[in-house]
Amino acid sequence: MLILPGLVDLQVNGYGGYDFNAAGLSTGDVADLVRELRRRGTTTLCPTIITAPEDKITRNLAVIAAARAADPLVAHAIPALHVEGPYLAPEDGPRGAHDAGHLRDPDLAEFGRWQEASGGLVKIVTLAPERAGAAGYIAELARQGVIVSIGHTAAEPAAIEAAVRAGARLSTHLGNGAHAMIRRHPNYIWAQLAEDRLTASFIADGHHLPADTFTAMLRAKGIGRAVLVSDSVALAGCAPGDYTTPVGGRITVGEDGRVTLPGGELLAGSGSSLIECVGWAVTRTEVDLGTAVTLAAANPARLLGTGRGRIEPGAPADLIVTTPGLSVLHTYVNGVHVHTT
């Protein structure tokens, strides 16, 4: 058996039928989703709310905050919230599965209402830096200690540079949320890869990035400036078939777990948990287990400013016990044994 630090996932839309973006999200749903992910080795997560009308975004942020207030273990599991959108590029490809009808320009007053609803828990915001007013918005969020992440963008390299100068620190699922075909160079992927002030998140599920692409991107960013995320959606872990969800409407889950918009290959999030991403990276690329765990635990924990993601005296006892094949047998959260397979 292996003892590993609990995994830290900066981008979780849902899992196992539970959806942080559901119109009827309840505090019980939040607690159940946290428990579901503990069984899969994720002990810290950032619930991710995507593009929607403002009242829906603020409602679900408030529900998650209430779930934290009701349960200390849920509060421990959720140290921060991630809002992905609604300030994204409208073009097909960069927009991904986000609803074009609700995309808009950055609005500091709206961000203030998010923070009021969540109790100040929004710590990551993904946006496209080419949107009007983005530079000033980024600078103000950076001043408040919020991680601004570049994603779902069609920006020219100059706009990427301006965003970094303003304080952007992260690239959301780099290589995805992009056009199917782009100019070979310059383009917004090269610009982010080359920028050492940006950490990059990667979805290492075998569908979002081919093994050679992931390997080249990871070499370019360096281990210290990279994190793995699941970007899992509610249908992750569900049986193959066609479904209707708040994220993208009608969604297809393939036999291989690939989650797509129907009638094409456009991805609508990931069907994998973070530990499955760790396993794919280890078995399909040059990344060894220690490095993969660093990418999925220590690095994202450091980005959030927590002391988690490591096994050292004095560190929080967020631990998982797995088989050599990374099947989770036991999970401990803050020293409490919360799961046994």
C-alpha atoms as a PDB file:
ATOM      1  CA  MET A   1       0.000   0.000   0.000  1.00  0.00           C
ATOM      2  CA  LEU A   2       0.974   3.637  -0.514  1.00  0.00           C
ATOM      3  CA  ILE A   3       0.398   6.572   1.804  1.00  0.00           C
ATOM      4  CA  LEU A   4      -0.049   9.786  -0.183  1.00  0.00           C
ATOM      5  CA  PRO A   5      -1.126  13.323   0.646  1.00  0.00           C
ATOM      6  CA  GLY A   6      -4.776  14.027  -0.042  1.00  0.00           C
ATOM      7  CA  LEU A   7      -5.205  15.519  -3.506  1.00  0.00           C
ATOM      8  CA  VAL A   8      -6.047  19.202  -4.026  1.00  0.00           C
ATOM      9  CA  ASP A   9      -8.331  19.965  -6.991  1.00  0.00           C
ATOM     10  CA  LEU A  10      -8.646  23.607  -8.073  1.00  0.00           C
ATOM     11  CA  GLN A  11     -11.425  22.933 -10.598  1.00  0.00           C
ATOM     12  CA  VAL A  12     -14.402  20.730  -9.754  1.00  0.00           C
ATOM     13  CA  ASN A  13     -17.778  21.322 -11.409  1.00  0.00           C
ATOM     14  CA  GLY A  14     -19.319  18.145 -10.031  1.00  0.00           C
ATOM     15  CA  TYR A  15     -18.983  14.382  -9.797  1.00  0.00           C
ATOM     16  CA  GLY A  16     -21.096  11.246  -9.576  1.00  0.00           C
ATOM     17  CA  GLY A  17     -24.371  12.944 -10.465  1.00  0.00           C
ATOM     18  CA  TYR A  18     -23.830  15.926  -8.135  1.00  0.00           C
ATOM     19  CA  ASP A  19     -23.398  19.350  -9.723  1.00  0.00           C
ATOM     20  CA  PHE A  20     -22.220  22.572  -8.096  1.00  0.00           C
ATOM     21  CA  ASN A  21     -24.014  24.373 -10.954  1.00  0.00           C
ATOM     22  CA  ALA A  22     -27.398  22.710 -10.493  1.00  0.00           C
ATOM     23  CA  ALA A  23     -30.349  25.074 -10.187  1.00  0.00           C
ATOM     24  CA  GLY A  24     -31.552  23.175  -7.122  1.00  0.00           C
ATOM     25  CA  LEU A  25     -28.179  22.777  -5.411  1.00  0.00           C
ATOM     26  CA  SER A  26     -28.617  22.155  -1.667  1.00  0.00           C
ATOM     27  CA  THR A  27     -26.229  22.116   1.272  1.00  0.00           C
ATOM     28  CA  GLY A  28     -26.768  18.347   1.422  1.00  0.00           C
ATOM     29  CA  ASP A  29     -25.672  18.015  -2.197  1.00  0.00           C
ATOM     30  CA  VAL A  30     -22.468  19.916  -1.403  1.00  0.00           C
ATOM     31  CA  ALA A  31     -21.709  17.638   1.549  1.00  0.00           C
ATOM     32  CA  ASP A  32     -22.474  14.521  -0.505  1.00  0.00           C
ATOM     33  CA  LEU A  33     -20.207  15.684  -3.322  1.00  0.00           C
ATOM     34  CA  VAL A  34     -17.383  16.340  -0.855  1.00  0.00           C
ATOM     35  CA  ARG A  35     -17.831  12.814   0.546  1.00  0.00           C
ATOM     36  CA  GLU A  36     -17.942  11.331  -2.957  1.00  0.00           C
ATOM     37  CA  LEU A  37     -14.597  12.930  -3.823  1.00  0.00           C
ATOM     38  CA  ARG A  38     -12.989  11.860  -0.537  1.00  0.00           C
ATOM     39  CA  ARG A  39     -13.630   8.272  -1.625  1.00  0.00           C
ATOM     40  CA  ARG A  40     -11.547   9.097  -4.690  1.00  0.00           C
ATOM     41  CA  GLY A  41      -8.663  10.673  -2.839  1.00  0.00           C
ATOM     42  CA  THR A  42      -9.528  14.381  -3.198  1.00  0.00           C
ATOM     43  CA  THR A  43      -9.509  15.965   0.256  1.00  0.00           C
ATOM     44  CA  THR A  44      -9.364  19.639  -0.799  1.00  0.00           C
ATOM     45  CA  LEU A  45     -11.348  21.111  -3.676  1.00  0.00           C
ATOM     46  CA  CYS A  46     -12.454  24.390  -5.191  1.00  0.00           C
ATOM     47  CA  PRO A  47     -16.095  24.081  -6.276  1.00  0.00           C
ATOM     48  CA  THR A  48     -16.282  25.710  -9.688  1.00  0.00           C
ATOM     49  CA  ILE A  49     -19.262  27.809 -10.736  1.00  0.00           C
ATOM     50  CA  ILE A  50     -19.480  28.486 -14.448  1.00  0.00           C
ATOM     51  CA  THR A  51     -21.097  31.071 -16.714  1.00  0.00           C
ATOM     52  CA  ALA A  52     -24.722  31.758 -15.774  1.00  0.00           C
ATOM     53  CA  PRO A  53     -27.045  34.648 -14.902  1.00  0.00           C
ATOM     54  CA  GLU A  54     -25.755  36.520 -11.867  1.00  0.00           C
ATOM     55  CA  ASP A  55     -28.596  35.445  -9.592  1.00  0.00           C
ATOM     56  CA  LYS A  56     -27.816  31.776 -10.223  1.00  0.00           C
ATOM     57  CA  ILE A  57     -24.100  32.279  -9.594  1.00  0.00           C
ATOM     58  CA  THR A  58     -24.698  34.129  -6.318  1.00  0.00           C
ATOM     59  CA  ARG A  59     -27.302  31.610  -5.176  1.00  0.00           C
ATOM     60  CA  ASN A  60     -24.992  28.624  -5.609  1.00  0.00           C
ATOM     61  CA  LEU A  61     -22.058  30.447  -4.023  1.00  0.00           C
ATOM     62  CA  ALA A  62     -24.271  31.129  -1.014  1.00  0.00           C
ATOM     63  CA  VAL A  63     -25.393  27.484  -0.816  1.00  0.00           C
ATOM     64  CA  ILE A  64     -21.790  26.278  -0.788  1.00  0.00           C
ATOM     65  CA  ALA A  65     -20.931  28.823   1.923  1.00  0.00           C
ATOM     66  CA  ALA A  66     -23.883  27.568   4.000  1.00  0.00           C
ATOM     67  CA  ALA A  67     -22.727  23.962   3.572  1.00  0.00           C
ATOM     68  CA  ARG A  68     -19.310  24.949   4.929  1.00  0.00           C
ATOM     69  CA  ALA A  69     -20.894  26.672   7.912  1.00  0.00           C
ATOM     70  CA  ALA A  70     -22.926  23.542   8.715  1.00  0.00           C
ATOM     71  CA  ASP A  71     -20.074  21.008   8.724  1.00  0.00           C
ATOM     72  CA  PRO A  72     -16.438  21.561   9.825  1.00  0.00           C
ATOM     73  CA  LEU A  73     -15.189  18.763   7.559  1.00  0.00           C
ATOM     74  CA  VAL A  74     -16.907  20.348   4.545  1.00  0.00           C
ATOM     75  CA  ALA A  75     -15.381  23.687   5.532  1.00  0.00           C
ATOM     76  CA  HIS A  76     -11.962  22.039   5.697  1.00  0.00           C
ATOM     77  CA  ALA A  77     -12.454  20.437   2.273  1.00  0.00           C
ATOM     78  CA  ILE A  78     -13.486  23.725   0.617  1.00  0.00           C
ATOM     79  CA  PRO A  79     -11.033  26.529   1.447  1.00  0.00           C
ATOM     80  CA  ALA A  80     -11.857  28.511  -1.705  1.00  0.00           C
ATOM     81  CA  LEU A  81     -14.303  28.821  -4.593  1.00  0.00           C
ATOM     82  CA  HIS A  82     -13.539  29.145  -8.306  1.00  0.00           C
ATOM     83  CA  VAL A  83     -15.744  31.114 -10.702  1.00  0.00           C
ATOM     84  CA  GLU A  84     -15.013  30.156 -14.326  1.00  0.00           C
ATOM     85  CA  GLY A  85     -16.680  32.835 -16.430  1.00  0.00           C
ATOM     86  CA  PRO A  86     -18.878  34.590 -17.298  1.00  0.00           C
ATOM     87  CA  TYR A  87     -16.160  36.884 -18.702  1.00  0.00           C
ATOM     88  CA  LEU A  88     -15.043  34.558 -21.499  1.00  0.00           C
ATOM     89  CA  ALA A  89     -14.479  34.657 -25.264  1.00  0.00           C
ATOM     90  CA  PRO A  90     -17.711  34.198 -27.265  1.00  0.00           C
ATOM     91  CA  GLU A  91     -16.206  32.265 -30.199  1.00  0.00           C
ATOM     92  CA  ASP A  92     -16.899  28.580 -30.675  1.00  0.00           C
ATOM     93  CA  GLY A  93     -13.916  26.648 -29.353  1.00  0.00           C
ATOM     94  CA  PRO A  94     -12.624  29.130 -26.784  1.00  0.00           C
ATOM     95  CA  ARG A  95     -16.137  29.382 -25.332  1.00  0.00           C
ATOM     96  CA  GLY A  96     -16.253  25.619 -24.755  1.00  0.00           C
ATOM     97  CA  ALA A  97     -19.577  24.500 -23.271  1.00  0.00           C
ATOM     98  CA  HIS A  98     -20.299  27.886 -21.650  1.00  0.00           C
ATOM     99  CA  ASP A  99     -23.634  29.482 -22.540  1.00  0.00           C
ATOM    100  CA  ALA A 100     -22.977  32.264 -25.058  1.00  0.00           C
ATOM    101  CA  GLY A 101     -26.140  34.043 -23.973  1.00  0.00           C
ATOM    102  CA  HIS A 102     -24.720  34.818 -20.547  1.00  0.00           C
ATOM    103  CA  LEU A 103     -21.176  35.887 -21.465  1.00  0.00           C
ATOM    104  CA  ARG A 104     -20.359  39.455 -20.474  1.00  0.00           C
ATOM    105  CA  ASP A 105     -17.540  41.890 -19.691  1.00  0.00           C
ATOM    106  CA  PRO A 106     -15.814  41.938 -16.286  1.00  0.00           C
ATOM    107  CA  ASP A 107     -17.718  43.824 -13.603  1.00  0.00           C
ATOM    108  CA  LEU A 108     -16.157  44.638 -10.222  1.00  0.00           C
ATOM    109  CA  ALA A 109     -19.563  45.349  -8.709  1.00  0.00           C
ATOM    110  CA  GLU A 110     -20.683  41.847  -9.680  1.00  0.00           C
ATOM    111  CA  PHE A 111     -17.535  40.376  -8.154  1.00  0.00           C
ATOM    112  CA  GLY A 112     -18.367  42.228  -4.943  1.00  0.00           C
ATOM    113  CA  ARG A 113     -21.776  40.581  -4.904  1.00  0.00           C
ATOM    114  CA  TRP A 114     -20.149  37.172  -5.411  1.00  0.00           C
ATOM    115  CA  GLN A 115     -17.968  37.809  -2.384  1.00  0.00           C
ATOM    116  CA  GLU A 116     -20.910  38.996  -0.331  1.00  0.00           C
ATOM    117  CA  ALA A 117     -22.857  35.832  -1.189  1.00  0.00           C
ATOM    118  CA  SER A 118     -19.930  33.519  -0.502  1.00  0.00           C
ATOM    119  CA  GLY A 119     -18.485  35.208   2.557  1.00  0.00           C
ATOM    120  CA  GLY A 120     -15.344  36.204   0.655  1.00  0.00           C
ATOM    121  CA  LEU A 121     -14.564  32.665  -0.503  1.00  0.00           C
ATOM    122  CA  VAL A 122     -14.108  33.349  -4.229  1.00  0.00           C
ATOM    123  CA  LYS A 123     -10.336  32.973  -4.566  1.00  0.00           C
ATOM    124  CA  ILE A 124      -9.993  31.999  -8.252  1.00  0.00           C
ATOM    125  CA  VAL A 125     -11.646  33.712 -11.230  1.00  0.00           C
ATOM    126  CA  THR A 126     -11.101  32.514 -14.802  1.00  0.00           C
ATOM    127  CA  LEU A 127     -11.576  35.101 -17.559  1.00  0.00           C
ATOM    128  CA  ALA A 128     -10.575  35.975 -21.106  1.00  0.00           C
ATOM    129  CA  PRO A 129      -8.216  38.985 -20.931  1.00  0.00           C
ATOM    130  CA  GLU A 130      -9.426  40.441 -24.225  1.00  0.00           C
ATOM    131  CA  ARG A 131     -12.802  41.361 -22.685  1.00  0.00           C
ATOM    132  CA  ALA A 132     -13.367  45.090 -22.223  1.00  0.00           C
ATOM    133  CA  GLY A 133     -12.114  46.329 -18.860  1.00  0.00           C
ATOM    134  CA  ALA A 134     -10.218  43.116 -18.087  1.00  0.00           C
ATOM    135  CA  ALA A 135      -6.895  44.748 -17.133  1.00  0.00           C
ATOM    136  CA  GLY A 136      -8.401  46.946 -14.432  1.00  0.00           C
ATOM    137  CA  TYR A 137     -10.534  44.089 -13.159  1.00  0.00           C
ATOM    138  CA  ILE A 138      -7.496  41.804 -12.919  1.00  0.00           C
ATOM    139  CA  ALA A 139      -5.473  44.450 -11.082  1.00  0.00           C
ATOM    140  CA  GLU A 140      -8.191  44.966  -8.465  1.00  0.00           C
ATOM    141  CA  LEU A 141      -8.722  41.244  -7.855  1.00  0.00           C
ATOM    142  CA  ALA A 142      -4.971  40.730  -7.581  1.00  0.00           C
ATOM    143  CA  ARG A 143      -4.864  43.537  -5.006  1.00  0.00           C
ATOM    144  CA  GLN A 144      -7.476  41.614  -3.020  1.00  0.00           C
ATOM    145  CA  GLY A 145      -5.398  38.428  -3.143  1.00  0.00           C
ATOM    146  CA  VAL A 146      -7.629  36.630  -5.660  1.00  0.00           C
ATOM    147  CA  ILE A 147      -5.972  34.355  -8.227  1.00  0.00           C
ATOM    148  CA  VAL A 148      -6.942  35.576 -11.690  1.00  0.00           C
ATOM    149  CA  SER A 149      -6.616  32.829 -14.287  1.00  0.00           C
ATOM    150  CA  ILE A 150      -6.517  33.175 -18.064  1.00  0.00           C
ATOM    151  CA  GLY A 151      -8.836  30.754 -19.814  1.00  0.00           C
ATOM    152  CA  HIS A 152     -11.433  30.290 -22.550  1.00  0.00           C
ATOM    153  CA  THR A 153      -9.606  32.998 -24.464  1.00  0.00           C
ATOM    154  CA  ALA A 154      -8.883  33.956 -28.054  1.00  0.00           C
ATOM    155  CA  ALA A 155      -6.553  36.768 -26.978  1.00  0.00           C
ATOM    156  CA  GLU A 156      -3.594  38.061 -28.920  1.00  0.00           C
ATOM    157  CA  PRO A 157      -0.265  37.639 -27.108  1.00  0.00           C
ATOM    158  CA  ALA A 158      -0.243  41.346 -26.212  1.00  0.00           C
ATOM    159  CA  ALA A 159      -3.452  40.891 -24.233  1.00  0.00           C
ATOM    160  CA  ILE A 160      -1.933  37.908 -22.411  1.00  0.00           C
ATOM    161  CA  GLU A 161       1.079  40.048 -21.509  1.00  0.00           C
ATOM    162  CA  ALA A 162      -1.150  42.892 -20.314  1.00  0.00           C
ATOM    163  CA  ALA A 163      -3.110  40.480 -18.117  1.00  0.00           C
ATOM    164  CA  VAL A 164       0.080  39.175 -16.530  1.00  0.00           C
ATOM    165  CA  ARG A 165       1.345  42.696 -15.907  1.00  0.00           C
ATOM    166  CA  ALA A 166      -1.979  43.453 -14.214  1.00  0.00           C
ATOM    167  CA  GLY A 167      -1.568  40.454 -11.910  1.00  0.00           C
ATOM    168  CA  ALA A 168      -2.906  37.284 -13.586  1.00  0.00           C
ATOM    169  CA  ARG A 169      -1.145  34.245 -12.101  1.00  0.00           C
ATOM    170  CA  LEU A 170      -2.681  31.129 -13.626  1.00  0.00           C
ATOM    171  CA  SER A 171      -3.745  29.538 -16.914  1.00  0.00           C
ATOM    172  CA  THR A 172      -6.950  27.483 -16.729  1.00  0.00           C
ATOM    173  CA  HIS A 173      -6.702  24.017 -18.365  1.00  0.00           C
ATOM    174  CA  LEU A 174      -4.051  25.227 -20.809  1.00  0.00           C
ATOM    175  CA  GLY A 175      -4.441  23.744 -24.291  1.00  0.00           C
ATOM    176  CA  ASN A 176      -8.203  23.436 -23.905  1.00  0.00           C
ATOM    177  CA  GLY A 177     -10.992  25.969 -24.191  1.00  0.00           C
ATOM    178  CA  ALA A 178      -9.350  26.853 -27.499  1.00  0.00           C
ATOM    179  CA  HIS A 179     -10.024  26.859 -31.223  1.00  0.00           C
ATOM    180  CA  ALA A 180      -9.755  23.477 -32.919  1.00  0.00           C
ATOM    181  CA  MET A 181      -7.373  25.129 -35.397  1.00  0.00           C
ATOM    182  CA  ILE A 182      -5.224  28.174 -34.639  1.00  0.00           C
ATOM    183  CA  ARG A 183      -2.365  30.084 -36.239  1.00  0.00           C
ATOM    184  CA  ARG A 184       0.832  28.137 -35.609  1.00  0.00           C
ATOM    185  CA  HIS A 185       2.571  31.186 -34.109  1.00  0.00           C
ATOM    186  CA  PRO A 186       2.122  33.527 -32.454  1.00  0.00           C
ATOM    187  CA  ASN A 187      -0.951  32.398 -30.534  1.00  0.00           C
ATOM    188  CA  TYR A 188      -2.434  32.424 -27.039  1.00  0.00           C
ATOM    189  CA  ILE A 189      -1.120  28.963 -26.114  1.00  0.00           C
ATOM    190  CA  TRP A 190       2.539  29.730 -26.879  1.00  0.00           C
ATOM    191  CA  ALA A 191       2.205  33.086 -25.095  1.00  0.00           C
ATOM    192  CA  GLN A 192       1.026  31.411 -21.894  1.00  0.00           C
ATOM    193  CA  LEU A 193       3.515  28.547 -22.098  1.00  0.00           C
ATOM    194  CA  ALA A 194       6.409  30.987 -22.377  1.00  0.00           C
ATOM    195  CA  GLU A 195       5.250  33.221 -19.508  1.00  0.00           C
ATOM    196  CA  ASP A 196       7.059  32.209 -16.316  1.00  0.00           C
ATOM    197  CA  ARG A 197       4.765  34.362 -14.186  1.00  0.00           C
ATOM    198  CA  LEU A 198       1.874  32.059 -15.057  1.00  0.00           C
ATOM    199  CA  THR A 199       1.330  28.675 -13.457  1.00  0.00           C
ATOM    200  CA  ALA A 200      -0.627  26.358 -15.761  1.00  0.00           C
ATOM    201  CA  SER A 201      -3.295  23.836 -14.899  1.00  0.00           C
ATOM    202  CA  PHE A 202      -3.646  20.738 -17.063  1.00  0.00           C
ATOM    203  CA  ILE A 203      -6.420  18.148 -17.401  1.00  0.00           C
ATOM    204  CA  ALA A 204      -4.478  14.894 -17.645  1.00  0.00           C
ATOM    205  CA  ASP A 205      -7.405  12.595 -18.394  1.00  0.00           C
ATOM    206  CA  GLY A 206      -6.253  11.255 -21.761  1.00  0.00           C
ATOM    207  CA  HIS A 207      -8.988  13.154 -23.624  1.00  0.00           C
ATOM    208  CA  HIS A 208      -8.217  16.829 -23.121  1.00  0.00           C
ATOM    209  CA  LEU A 209      -4.519  16.542 -24.013  1.00  0.00           C
ATOM    210  CA  PRO A 210      -2.681  13.775 -25.887  1.00  0.00           C
ATOM    211  CA  ALA A 211       0.288  12.334 -24.004  1.00  0.00           C
ATOM    212  CA  ASP A 212       2.885  14.019 -26.230  1.00  0.00           C
ATOM    213  CA  THR A 213       1.172  17.417 -25.935  1.00  0.00           C
ATOM    214  CA  PHE A 214       0.925  17.143 -22.169  1.00  0.00           C
ATOM    215  CA  THR A 215       4.568  16.088 -21.949  1.00  0.00           C
ATOM    216  CA  ALA A 216       5.799  19.009 -24.070  1.00  0.00           C
ATOM    217  CA  MET A 217       3.665  21.531 -22.192  1.00  0.00           C
ATOM    218  CA  LEU A 218       4.799  20.252 -18.806  1.00  0.00           C
ATOM    219  CA  ARG A 219       8.439  20.439 -19.866  1.00  0.00           C
ATOM    220  CA  ALA A 220       7.886  24.016 -21.050  1.00  0.00           C
ATOM    221  CA  LYS A 221       6.209  25.184 -17.828  1.00  0.00           C
ATOM    222  CA  GLY A 222       8.390  23.162 -15.471  1.00  0.00           C
ATOM    223  CA  ILE A 223       7.129  21.072 -12.561  1.00  0.00           C
ATOM    224  CA  GLY A 224       7.121  24.041 -10.177  1.00  0.00           C
ATOM    225  CA  ARG A 225       4.730  26.036 -12.386  1.00  0.00           C
ATOM    226  CA  ALA A 226       2.190  23.316 -13.185  1.00  0.00           C
ATOM    227  CA  VAL A 227      -0.809  21.718 -11.488  1.00  0.00           C
ATOM    228  CA  LEU A 228      -3.185  18.934 -12.414  1.00  0.00           C
ATOM    229  CA  VAL A 229      -6.930  19.521 -12.197  1.00  0.00           C
ATOM    230  CA  SER A 230      -9.821  17.189 -12.923  1.00  0.00           C
ATOM    231  CA  ASP A 231     -12.340  19.740 -14.290  1.00  0.00           C
ATOM    232  CA  SER A 232     -14.789  16.939 -13.484  1.00  0.00           C
ATOM    233  CA  VAL A 233     -18.451  17.505 -14.252  1.00  0.00           C
ATOM    234  CA  ALA A 234     -21.568  15.989 -12.724  1.00  0.00           C
ATOM    235  CA  LEU A 235     -21.486  13.120 -15.218  1.00  0.00           C
ATOM    236  CA  ALA A 236     -17.985  12.029 -14.205  1.00  0.00           C
ATOM    237  CA  GLY A 237     -18.254   8.475 -12.938  1.00  0.00           C
ATOM    238  CA  CYS A 238     -21.660   7.976 -14.601  1.00  0.00           C
ATOM    239  CA  ALA A 239     -22.675   5.311 -17.118  1.00  0.00           C
ATOM    240  CA  PRO A 240     -22.261   5.991 -20.853  1.00  0.00           C
ATOM    241  CA  GLY A 241     -25.216   7.658 -22.570  1.00  0.00           C
ATOM    242  CA  ASP A 242     -26.902  10.988 -23.347  1.00  0.00           C
ATOM    243  CA  TYR A 243     -27.814  13.326 -20.488  1.00  0.00           C
ATOM    244  CA  THR A 244     -29.186  16.821 -19.937  1.00  0.00           C
ATOM    245  CA  THR A 245     -27.222  19.009 -17.507  1.00  0.00           C
ATOM    246  CA  PRO A 246     -26.890  22.678 -16.501  1.00  0.00           C
ATOM    247  CA  VAL A 247     -23.373  22.614 -17.977  1.00  0.00           C
ATOM    248  CA  GLY A 248     -23.786  22.621 -21.735  1.00  0.00           C
ATOM    249  CA  GLY A 249     -27.357  21.273 -21.904  1.00  0.00           C
ATOM    250  CA  ARG A 250     -27.420  17.892 -23.680  1.00  0.00           C
ATOM    251  CA  ILE A 251     -24.193  15.975 -22.985  1.00  0.00           C
ATOM    252  CA  THR A 252     -22.882  12.598 -24.134  1.00  0.00           C
ATOM    253  CA  VAL A 253     -20.753  10.283 -21.979  1.00  0.00           C
ATOM    254  CA  GLY A 254     -18.782   7.910 -24.178  1.00  0.00           C
ATOM    255  CA  GLU A 255     -17.852   4.317 -23.455  1.00  0.00           C
ATOM    256  CA  ASP A 256     -14.340   5.565 -22.671  1.00  0.00           C
ATOM    257  CA  GLY A 257     -15.620   8.191 -20.214  1.00  0.00           C
ATOM    258  CA  ARG A 258     -15.157  11.101 -22.632  1.00  0.00           C
ATOM    259  CA  VAL A 259     -17.732  13.851 -21.950  1.00  0.00           C
ATOM    260  CA  THR A 260     -18.768  15.802 -25.067  1.00  0.00           C
ATOM    261  CA  LEU A 261     -21.417  17.998 -26.562  1.00  0.00           C
ATOM    262  CA  PRO A 262     -23.518  15.694 -28.779  1.00  0.00           C
ATOM    263  CA  GLY A 263     -22.850  15.429 -32.472  1.00  0.00           C
ATOM    264  CA  GLY A 264     -19.176  16.272 -32.262  1.00  0.00           C
ATOM    265  CA  GLU A 265     -15.939  16.019 -30.360  1.00  0.00           C
ATOM    266  CA  LEU A 266     -16.159  19.312 -28.429  1.00  0.00           C
ATOM    267  CA  LEU A 267     -15.406  18.441 -24.820  1.00  0.00           C
ATOM    268  CA  ALA A 268     -17.822  19.504 -22.061  1.00  0.00           C
ATOM    269  CA  GLY A 269     -15.594  18.934 -19.055  1.00  0.00           C
ATOM    270  CA  SER A 270     -13.910  15.834 -17.760  1.00  0.00           C
ATOM    271  CA  GLY A 271     -15.274  12.457 -16.762  1.00  0.00           C
ATOM    272  CA  SER A 272     -12.300  11.661 -14.534  1.00  0.00           C
ATOM    273  CA  SER A 273     -11.455  12.228 -10.896  1.00  0.00           C
ATOM    274  CA  LEU A 274      -8.117  13.800 -10.028  1.00  0.00           C
ATOM    275  CA  ILE A 275      -6.565  10.502  -8.915  1.00  0.00           C
ATOM    276  CA  GLU A 276      -7.472   9.043 -12.311  1.00  0.00           C
ATOM    277  CA  CYS A 277      -5.617  11.957 -13.899  1.00  0.00           C
ATOM    278  CA  VAL A 278      -2.607  11.169 -11.693  1.00  0.00           C
ATOM    279  CA  GLY A 279      -2.778   7.549 -12.817  1.00  0.00           C
ATOM    280  CA  TRP A 280      -2.974   8.501 -16.502  1.00  0.00           C
ATOM    281  CA  ALA A 281       0.034  10.808 -16.209  1.00  0.00           C
ATOM    282  CA  VAL A 282       2.079   8.089 -14.505  1.00  0.00           C
ATOM    283  CA  THR A 283       1.171   5.293 -16.911  1.00  0.00           C
ATOM    284  CA  ARG A 284       1.115   7.238 -20.186  1.00  0.00           C
ATOM    285  CA  THR A 285       3.881   9.851 -19.837  1.00  0.00           C
ATOM    286  CA  GLU A 286       7.354  10.282 -18.390  1.00  0.00           C
ATOM    287  CA  VAL A 287       5.953  11.635 -15.102  1.00  0.00           C
ATOM    288  CA  ASP A 288       6.718   9.454 -12.067  1.00  0.00           C
ATOM    289  CA  LEU A 289       4.335   9.010  -9.151  1.00  0.00           C
ATOM    290  CA  GLY A 290       6.132  11.447  -6.855  1.00  0.00           C
ATOM    291  CA  THR A 291       6.025  14.175  -9.491  1.00  0.00           C
ATOM    292  CA  ALA A 292       2.378  13.496 -10.350  1.00  0.00           C
ATOM    293  CA  VAL A 293       1.400  13.772  -6.685  1.00  0.00           C
ATOM    294  CA  THR A 294       3.336  17.033  -6.423  1.00  0.00           C
ATOM    295  CA  LEU A 295       1.341  18.351  -9.395  1.00  0.00           C
ATOM    296  CA  ALA A 296      -1.966  17.239  -7.867  1.00  0.00           C
ATOM    297  CA  ALA A 297      -1.350  18.052  -4.204  1.00  0.00           C
ATOM    298  CA  ALA A 298       1.625  20.173  -3.129  1.00  0.00           C
ATOM    299  CA  ASN A 299       1.594  22.628  -6.046  1.00  0.00           C
ATOM    300  CA  PRO A 300      -2.133  23.480  -5.968  1.00  0.00           C
ATOM    301  CA  ALA A 301      -2.035  23.665  -2.162  1.00  0.00           C
ATOM    302  CA  ARG A 302       0.815  26.155  -2.381  1.00  0.00           C
ATOM    303  CA  LEU A 303      -1.078  28.211  -4.946  1.00  0.00           C
ATOM    304  CA  LEU A 304      -4.028  28.409  -2.552  1.00  0.00           C
ATOM    305  CA  GLY A 305      -1.712  29.405   0.273  1.00  0.00           C
ATOM    306  CA  THR A 306      -2.453  26.355   2.432  1.00  0.00           C
ATOM    307  CA  GLY A 307       0.013  24.005   4.097  1.00  0.00           C
ATOM    308  CA  ARG A 308      -1.636  20.926   2.633  1.00  0.00           C
ATOM    309  CA  GLY A 309      -0.527  18.504  -0.054  1.00  0.00           C
ATOM    310  CA  ARG A 310       2.560  17.211   1.771  1.00  0.00           C
ATOM    311  CA  ILE A 311       3.477  14.563   4.314  1.00  0.00           C
ATOM    312  CA  GLU A 312       5.665  16.242   6.900  1.00  0.00           C
ATOM    313  CA  PRO A 313       5.604  16.714  10.667  1.00  0.00           C
ATOM    314  CA  GLY A 314       3.238  19.564  11.431  1.00  0.00           C
ATOM    315  CA  ALA A 315       1.363  19.373   8.126  1.00  0.00           C
ATOM    316  CA  PRO A 316      -2.415  18.822   8.147  1.00  0.00           C
ATOM    317  CA  ALA A 317      -3.135  15.080   8.237  1.00  0.00           C
ATOM    318  CA  ASP A 318      -5.003  14.949   4.931  1.00  0.00           C
ATOM    319  CA  LEU A 319      -3.872  11.510   3.799  1.00  0.00           C
ATOM    320  CA  ILE A 320      -4.968   8.716   1.492  1.00  0.00           C
ATOM    321  CA  VAL A 321      -3.951   5.079   1.523  1.00  0.00           C
ATOM    322  CA  THR A 322      -4.001   3.456  -1.914  1.00  0.00           C
ATOM    323  CA  THR A 323      -3.019   0.307  -3.725  1.00  0.00           C
ATOM    324  CA  PRO A 324      -0.005   0.534  -6.071  1.00  0.00           C
ATOM    325  CA  GLY A 325      -2.588   0.993  -8.849  1.00  0.00           C
ATOM    326  CA  LEU A 326      -4.010   4.050  -7.007  1.00  0.00           C
ATOM    327  CA  SER A 327      -7.299   2.544  -5.853  1.00  0.00           C
ATOM    328  CA  VAL A 328      -8.196   4.461  -2.687  1.00  0.00           C
ATOM    329  CA  LEU A 329      -8.545   2.259   0.399  1.00  0.00           C
ATOM    330  CA  HIS A 330      -8.670   4.832   3.202  1.00  0.00           C
ATOM    331  CA  THR A 331      -9.012   8.606   3.442  1.00  0.00           C
ATOM    332  CA  TYR A 332      -8.102  10.811   6.407  1.00  0.00           C
ATOM    333  CA  VAL A 333      -9.131  14.465   6.583  1.00  0.00           C
ATOM    334  CA  ASN A 334      -7.461  16.696   9.159  1.00  0.00           C
ATOM    335  CA  GLY A 335      -6.599  13.558  11.120  1.00  0.00           C
ATOM    336  CA  VAL A 336     -10.120  12.112  10.964  1.00  0.00           C
ATOM    337  CA  HIS A 337     -10.635   8.738   9.282  1.00  0.00           C
ATOM    338  CA  VAL A 338     -13.528   9.516   6.886  1.00  0.00           C
ATOM    339  CA  HIS A 339     -13.511   6.658   4.354  1.00  0.00           C
ATOM    340  CA  THR A 340     -12.698   2.971   4.050  1.00  0.00           C
ATOM    341  CA  THR A 341     -13.273   0.973   0.879  1.00  0.00           C
END
